[in-house]
């Protein structure tokens, strides 16, 4: 799966035996990172896991809502 630079992305693991590997197009740079909160009510994403059972990193609990986030994707088409 290719996720273009600047696109929001996330995943939900529905089984216990899962390994996720991914590559990036550049070195990690915290200052250029952007994100949105996983449970944004405006997006209403069905992650197929009850919210009280979801395992979310501490970092991923502190992101803004989509409407308040920095949008850094620019389409040139």
Protein backbone atom coordinates (compact mmCIF):
# COMPACT_ATOMS: atom_id res chain seq x y z
CA UNK A 1 0.00 0.00 0.00
CA UNK A 2 1.34 3.44 -0.88
CA UNK A 3 0.33 6.33 1.31
CA UNK A 4 1.38 9.61 -0.31
CA UNK A 5 3.37 12.12 1.73
CA UNK A 6 1.02 14.30 3.77
CA UNK A 7 -1.93 11.88 3.79
CA UNK A 8 -3.37 10.92 7.16
CA UNK A 9 -3.22 7.20 7.79
CA UNK A 10 -3.83 4.70 10.54
CA UNK A 11 -4.69 1.07 11.02
CA UNK A 12 -6.63 -1.21 13.32
CA UNK A 13 -5.37 -4.68 14.20
CA UNK A 14 -8.19 -7.18 14.58
CA UNK A 15 -6.19 -10.31 15.50
CA UNK A 16 -3.51 -11.02 18.08
CA UNK A 17 -0.85 -12.25 15.63
CA UNK A 18 -0.05 -9.21 13.53
CA UNK A 19 3.22 -7.69 12.45
CA UNK A 20 3.20 -4.28 10.77
CA UNK A 21 6.24 -3.08 8.85
CA UNK A 22 6.48 0.14 6.92
CA UNK A 23 9.01 2.34 5.20
CA UNK A 24 9.25 6.10 5.02
CA UNK A 25 10.59 8.26 2.22
CA UNK A 26 12.93 10.16 4.53
CA UNK A 27 14.42 10.23 8.02
CA UNK A 28 12.08 10.91 10.95
CA UNK A 29 11.77 14.61 11.71
CA UNK A 30 9.61 15.41 14.72
CA UNK A 31 9.18 19.06 13.67
CA UNK A 32 7.59 18.06 10.37
CA UNK A 33 5.21 15.53 11.91
CA UNK A 34 1.49 16.19 11.80
CA UNK A 35 -1.43 14.16 13.02
CA UNK A 36 -5.08 14.03 13.98
CA UNK A 37 -6.72 12.32 16.93
CA UNK A 38 -7.72 8.73 16.22
CA UNK A 39 -11.27 9.07 17.57
CA UNK A 40 -12.29 12.40 16.02
CA UNK A 41 -16.11 12.42 16.21
CA UNK A 42 -16.40 14.45 12.98
CA UNK A 43 -14.60 11.68 11.06
CA UNK A 44 -16.53 8.88 12.83
CA UNK A 45 -14.08 6.15 11.76
CA UNK A 46 -15.26 2.66 12.67
CA UNK A 47 -12.03 1.02 13.84
CA UNK A 48 -13.93 -2.25 14.53
CA UNK A 49 -12.66 -2.18 18.13
CA UNK A 50 -14.57 -0.76 21.12
CA UNK A 51 -12.87 2.46 22.27
CA UNK A 52 -12.34 1.04 25.78
CA UNK A 53 -10.44 -1.93 24.28
CA UNK A 54 -8.26 0.06 21.87
CA UNK A 55 -4.55 0.23 22.70
CA UNK A 56 -3.38 3.71 21.74
CA UNK A 57 0.12 5.08 22.36
CA UNK A 58 0.31 8.04 24.72
CA UNK A 59 1.60 10.16 21.84
CA UNK A 60 -1.46 9.33 19.73
CA UNK A 61 -3.88 10.44 22.45
CA UNK A 62 -2.67 14.06 22.29
CA UNK A 63 -3.33 14.98 18.64
CA UNK A 64 -5.80 17.68 17.55
CA UNK A 65 -9.14 17.18 15.87
CA UNK A 66 -9.06 17.13 12.06
CA UNK A 67 -10.63 20.60 11.87
CA UNK A 68 -7.85 21.99 14.10
CA UNK A 69 -4.92 20.11 12.54
CA UNK A 70 -2.24 21.43 10.23
CA UNK A 71 -2.98 20.14 6.72
CA UNK A 72 0.27 19.71 4.81
CA UNK A 73 -0.87 17.74 1.75
CA UNK A 74 -0.67 19.66 -1.52
CA UNK A 75 -1.98 18.08 -4.72
CA UNK A 76 -0.39 19.12 -7.97
CA UNK A 77 -2.42 17.51 -10.72
